[in-house]
Amino acid sequence: MVQAATAASTSPLDDLLSTRGRDLPTPRTGDPRLAADLVSFVFGYPDASSPPASAIAEATVRAMQNDGEGALQYGMDRGVPQLVDALLAKLKKDQGIDAKNENVLITAGGSQACQLVLDLLVDPGDTVIVEAPTWMGFLDRKSTRLNSSHW
């Protein structure tokens, strides 16, 4: 049922929202360009001083020159072989772990990694215990995959 607009409405679409949708809190992250002043684990904003911006820009130009439009496509399903090799070398050097190529899977991000682990190890109805505070992306993956919002 569509209700008449109220004085609290800020958008013509507000009247289409459910009660739950209208009661959502305002986002606390604000303008992503100002994220350097925030400590937020919600949307994955990195510390502004951690990514080497000039090296990223140079690598982007190099990738576009070397691979053209292919550089803009999804990567290989197990990860870029050079990245896997670099990770294997780092594991051996820094931690003494002598892993093999088939032991490494590079994902597109934390959500994909969580989804894969849940698909492999958890059945609907299983109990999943997480620490608090935890990453909301994991909770979203768990409830979506297992068709459950119950904890």
C-alpha atoms as a PDB file:
ATOM      1  CA  MET A   1       0.000   0.000   0.000  1.00  0.00           C
ATOM      2  CA  VAL A   2       1.472   3.347  -1.019  1.00  0.00           C
ATOM      3  CA  GLN A   3       1.139   5.991   1.647  1.00  0.00           C
ATOM      4  CA  ALA A   4       0.857   9.720   1.141  1.00  0.00           C
ATOM      5  CA  ALA A   5       4.095  11.695   1.304  1.00  0.00           C
ATOM      6  CA  THR A   6       5.001  12.927   4.759  1.00  0.00           C
ATOM      7  CA  ALA A   7       6.964  15.957   5.849  1.00  0.00           C
ATOM      8  CA  ALA A   8       9.867  13.633   6.744  1.00  0.00           C
ATOM      9  CA  SER A   9      10.196  12.365   3.157  1.00  0.00           C
ATOM     10  CA  THR A  10      13.420  13.404   1.454  1.00  0.00           C
ATOM     11  CA  SER A  11      12.781  11.728  -1.886  1.00  0.00           C
ATOM     12  CA  PRO A  12       9.703  10.940  -3.984  1.00  0.00           C
ATOM     13  CA  LEU A  13      10.767   7.282  -3.687  1.00  0.00           C
ATOM     14  CA  ASP A  14      10.533   7.283   0.117  1.00  0.00           C
ATOM     15  CA  ASP A  15       6.831   6.532  -0.099  1.00  0.00           C
ATOM     16  CA  LEU A  16       7.619   3.278  -1.889  1.00  0.00           C
ATOM     17  CA  LEU A  17       9.853   1.966   0.897  1.00  0.00           C
ATOM     18  CA  SER A  18       8.786  -0.589   3.464  1.00  0.00           C
ATOM     19  CA  THR A  19       8.730   0.417   7.118  1.00  0.00           C
ATOM     20  CA  ARG A  20      12.075  -1.340   7.534  1.00  0.00           C
ATOM     21  CA  GLY A  21      13.456   0.553   4.553  1.00  0.00           C
ATOM     22  CA  ARG A  22      12.315   3.896   5.938  1.00  0.00           C
ATOM     23  CA  ASP A  23      13.787   3.136   9.363  1.00  0.00           C
ATOM     24  CA  LEU A  24      17.301   2.461   8.083  1.00  0.00           C
ATOM     25  CA  PRO A  25      19.915   4.646   9.731  1.00  0.00           C
ATOM     26  CA  THR A  26      21.703   7.181   7.592  1.00  0.00           C
ATOM     27  CA  PRO A  27      25.037   5.927   6.267  1.00  0.00           C
ATOM     28  CA  ARG A  28      27.932   6.803   8.539  1.00  0.00           C
ATOM     29  CA  THR A  29      30.609   6.735   5.864  1.00  0.00           C
ATOM     30  CA  GLY A  30      29.488   9.786   3.913  1.00  0.00           C
ATOM     31  CA  ASP A  31      31.465  10.971   0.911  1.00  0.00           C
ATOM     32  CA  PRO A  32      34.001   8.273  -0.049  1.00  0.00           C
ATOM     33  CA  ARG A  33      36.462  11.005  -0.993  1.00  0.00           C
ATOM     34  CA  LEU A  34      36.574  11.939   2.680  1.00  0.00           C
ATOM     35  CA  ALA A  35      37.176   8.338   3.767  1.00  0.00           C
ATOM     36  CA  ALA A  36      40.752   9.119   4.763  1.00  0.00           C
ATOM     37  CA  ASP A  37      39.337  10.791   7.871  1.00  0.00           C
ATOM     38  CA  LEU A  38      37.278   7.731   8.824  1.00  0.00           C
ATOM     39  CA  VAL A  39      38.029   4.333  10.269  1.00  0.00           C
ATOM     40  CA  SER A  40      35.390   2.187   8.609  1.00  0.00           C
ATOM     41  CA  PHE A  41      35.479  -1.541   7.999  1.00  0.00           C
ATOM     42  CA  VAL A  42      32.108  -1.541   6.225  1.00  0.00           C
ATOM     43  CA  PHE A  43      32.973  -0.785   2.616  1.00  0.00           C
ATOM     44  CA  GLY A  44      36.655  -1.650   2.540  1.00  0.00           C
ATOM     45  CA  TYR A  45      38.067   1.871   2.479  1.00  0.00           C
ATOM     46  CA  PRO A  46      41.824   1.437   2.814  1.00  0.00           C
ATOM     47  CA  ASP A  47      44.019   3.711   4.864  1.00  0.00           C
ATOM     48  CA  ALA A  48      44.777   6.573   2.466  1.00  0.00           C
ATOM     49  CA  SER A  49      48.506   6.273   3.132  1.00  0.00           C
ATOM     50  CA  SER A  50      48.705   2.526   2.415  1.00  0.00           C
ATOM     51  CA  PRO A  51      48.084   2.200  -1.339  1.00  0.00           C
ATOM     52  CA  PRO A  52      51.051   3.520  -3.339  1.00  0.00           C
ATOM     53  CA  ALA A  53      48.982   5.746  -5.654  1.00  0.00           C
ATOM     54  CA  SER A  54      51.757   6.519  -8.147  1.00  0.00           C
ATOM     55  CA  ALA A  55      52.757   2.844  -8.444  1.00  0.00           C
ATOM     56  CA  ILE A  56      49.106   1.885  -8.977  1.00  0.00           C
ATOM     57  CA  ALA A  57      48.731   4.523 -11.703  1.00  0.00           C
ATOM     58  CA  GLU A  58      51.909   3.326 -13.446  1.00  0.00           C
ATOM     59  CA  ALA A  59      50.818  -0.316 -13.215  1.00  0.00           C
ATOM     60  CA  THR A  60      47.414   0.586 -14.662  1.00  0.00           C
ATOM     61  CA  VAL A  61      48.998   2.322 -17.647  1.00  0.00           C
ATOM     62  CA  ARG A  62      51.388  -0.604 -18.144  1.00  0.00           C
ATOM     63  CA  ALA A  63      48.538  -3.158 -17.960  1.00  0.00           C
ATOM     64  CA  MET A  64      46.468  -1.231 -20.501  1.00  0.00           C
ATOM     65  CA  GLN A  65      49.448  -0.928 -22.842  1.00  0.00           C
ATOM     66  CA  ASN A  66      50.374  -4.608 -22.533  1.00  0.00           C
ATOM     67  CA  ASP A  67      46.938  -6.225 -22.413  1.00  0.00           C
ATOM     68  CA  GLY A  68      44.574  -3.644 -23.907  1.00  0.00           C
ATOM     69  CA  GLU A  69      40.926  -4.239 -23.086  1.00  0.00           C
ATOM     70  CA  GLY A  70      41.818  -7.663 -21.679  1.00  0.00           C
ATOM     71  CA  ALA A  71      43.217  -5.856 -18.640  1.00  0.00           C
ATOM     72  CA  LEU A  72      39.669  -4.751 -17.792  1.00  0.00           C
ATOM     73  CA  GLN A  73      38.215  -8.268 -17.768  1.00  0.00           C
ATOM     74  CA  TYR A  74      37.859 -10.666 -14.853  1.00  0.00           C
ATOM     75  CA  GLY A  75      41.029 -12.568 -14.098  1.00  0.00           C
ATOM     76  CA  MET A  76      41.731 -16.263 -14.311  1.00  0.00           C
ATOM     77  CA  ASP A  77      39.620 -18.499 -12.089  1.00  0.00           C
ATOM     78  CA  ARG A  78      42.530 -19.470  -9.777  1.00  0.00           C
ATOM     79  CA  GLY A  79      44.304 -16.123  -9.950  1.00  0.00           C
ATOM     80  CA  VAL A  80      46.963 -14.594 -12.179  1.00  0.00           C
ATOM     81  CA  PRO A  81      49.799 -17.157 -12.364  1.00  0.00           C
ATOM     82  CA  GLN A  82      52.464 -14.524 -11.641  1.00  0.00           C
ATOM     83  CA  LEU A  83      50.599 -13.468  -8.485  1.00  0.00           C
ATOM     84  CA  VAL A  84      50.246 -17.087  -7.355  1.00  0.00           C
ATOM     85  CA  ASP A  85      53.988 -17.616  -7.919  1.00  0.00           C
ATOM     86  CA  ALA A  86      54.827 -14.446  -5.968  1.00  0.00           C
ATOM     87  CA  LEU A  87      52.572 -15.531  -3.094  1.00  0.00           C
ATOM     88  CA  LEU A  88      54.140 -19.002  -3.014  1.00  0.00           C
ATOM     89  CA  ALA A  89      57.636 -17.461  -2.903  1.00  0.00           C
ATOM     90  CA  LYS A  90      56.567 -15.100  -0.090  1.00  0.00           C
ATOM     91  CA  LEU A  91      55.011 -17.921   1.929  1.00  0.00           C
ATOM     92  CA  LYS A  92      58.226 -19.936   1.649  1.00  0.00           C
ATOM     93  CA  LYS A  93      60.543 -17.005   2.391  1.00  0.00           C
ATOM     94  CA  ASP A  94      58.608 -15.353   5.228  1.00  0.00           C
ATOM     95  CA  GLN A  95      56.896 -18.311   6.898  1.00  0.00           C
ATOM     96  CA  GLY A  96      58.734 -21.412   5.716  1.00  0.00           C
ATOM     97  CA  ILE A  97      55.570 -22.768   4.081  1.00  0.00           C
ATOM     98  CA  ASP A  98      56.364 -24.861   1.005  1.00  0.00           C
ATOM     99  CA  ALA A  99      52.937 -24.732  -0.663  1.00  0.00           C
ATOM    100  CA  LYS A 100      52.217 -25.866  -4.196  1.00  0.00           C
ATOM    101  CA  ASN A 101      50.297 -24.088  -6.947  1.00  0.00           C
ATOM    102  CA  GLU A 102      47.241 -26.291  -6.363  1.00  0.00           C
ATOM    103  CA  ASN A 103      47.157 -25.116  -2.711  1.00  0.00           C
ATOM    104  CA  VAL A 104      46.565 -21.469  -3.662  1.00  0.00           C
ATOM    105  CA  LEU A 105      43.420 -19.801  -4.888  1.00  0.00           C
ATOM    106  CA  ILE A 106      43.345 -16.046  -5.416  1.00  0.00           C
ATOM    107  CA  THR A 107      39.841 -14.625  -5.065  1.00  0.00           C
ATOM    108  CA  ALA A 108      38.413 -11.348  -6.304  1.00  0.00           C
ATOM    109  CA  GLY A 109      37.827 -10.246  -2.715  1.00  0.00           C
ATOM    110  CA  GLY A 110      36.732 -11.244   0.744  1.00  0.00           C
ATOM    111  CA  SER A 111      33.112 -11.861  -0.230  1.00  0.00           C
ATOM    112  CA  GLN A 112      34.095 -14.393  -2.873  1.00  0.00           C
ATOM    113  CA  ALA A 113      36.478 -16.129  -0.471  1.00  0.00           C
ATOM    114  CA  CYS A 114      33.786 -16.378   2.221  1.00  0.00           C
ATOM    115  CA  GLN A 115      31.263 -17.654  -0.303  1.00  0.00           C
ATOM    116  CA  LEU A 116      33.630 -20.396  -1.454  1.00  0.00           C
ATOM    117  CA  VAL A 117      34.393 -21.485   2.120  1.00  0.00           C
ATOM    118  CA  LEU A 118      30.700 -21.542   3.004  1.00  0.00           C
ATOM    119  CA  ASP A 119      29.868 -23.515  -0.153  1.00  0.00           C
ATOM    120  CA  LEU A 120      32.540 -26.080   0.675  1.00  0.00           C
ATOM    121  CA  LEU A 121      32.140 -26.491   4.413  1.00  0.00           C
ATOM    122  CA  VAL A 122      28.687 -25.430   5.596  1.00  0.00           C
ATOM    123  CA  ASP A 123      25.255 -26.898   4.992  1.00  0.00           C
ATOM    124  CA  PRO A 124      21.948 -25.110   5.656  1.00  0.00           C
ATOM    125  CA  GLY A 125      21.092 -25.582   9.326  1.00  0.00           C
ATOM    126  CA  ASP A 126      24.744 -25.820  10.429  1.00  0.00           C
ATOM    127  CA  THR A 127      25.861 -23.564  13.237  1.00  0.00           C
ATOM    128  CA  VAL A 128      28.398 -20.904  12.255  1.00  0.00           C
ATOM    129  CA  ILE A 129      30.191 -19.083  15.062  1.00  0.00           C
ATOM    130  CA  VAL A 130      31.876 -15.749  14.372  1.00  0.00           C
ATOM    131  CA  GLU A 131      33.656 -13.315  16.617  1.00  0.00           C
ATOM    132  CA  ALA A 132      32.242  -9.937  17.509  1.00  0.00           C
ATOM    133  CA  PRO A 133      32.834  -7.482  16.079  1.00  0.00           C
ATOM    134  CA  THR A 134      32.979  -9.207  12.734  1.00  0.00           C
ATOM    135  CA  TRP A 135      32.982  -8.305   9.068  1.00  0.00           C
ATOM    136  CA  MET A 136      29.440  -7.622   7.867  1.00  0.00           C
ATOM    137  CA  GLY A 137      30.358  -8.960   4.420  1.00  0.00           C
ATOM    138  CA  PHE A 138      30.725 -12.403   5.963  1.00  0.00           C
ATOM    139  CA  LEU A 139      27.377 -12.206   7.712  1.00  0.00           C
ATOM    140  CA  ASP A 140      25.779 -11.208   4.410  1.00  0.00           C
ATOM    141  CA  ARG A 141      27.395 -14.163   2.602  1.00  0.00           C
ATOM    142  CA  LYS A 142      26.316 -16.561   5.329  1.00  0.00           C
ATOM    143  CA  SER A 143      22.698 -15.478   5.385  1.00  0.00           C
ATOM    144  CA  THR A 144      22.440 -15.272   1.586  1.00  0.00           C
ATOM    145  CA  ARG A 145      24.039 -18.651   0.952  1.00  0.00           C
ATOM    146  CA  LEU A 146      22.284 -20.540   3.691  1.00  0.00           C
ATOM    147  CA  ASN A 147      18.910 -18.827   3.211  1.00  0.00           C
ATOM    148  CA  SER A 148      18.966 -17.923   6.848  1.00  0.00           C
ATOM    149  CA  SER A 149      19.039 -14.746   8.821  1.00  0.00           C
ATOM    150  CA  HIS A 150      18.934 -16.663  12.123  1.00  0.00           C
ATOM    151  CA  TRP A 151      21.901 -16.725  14.472  1.00  0.00           C
END
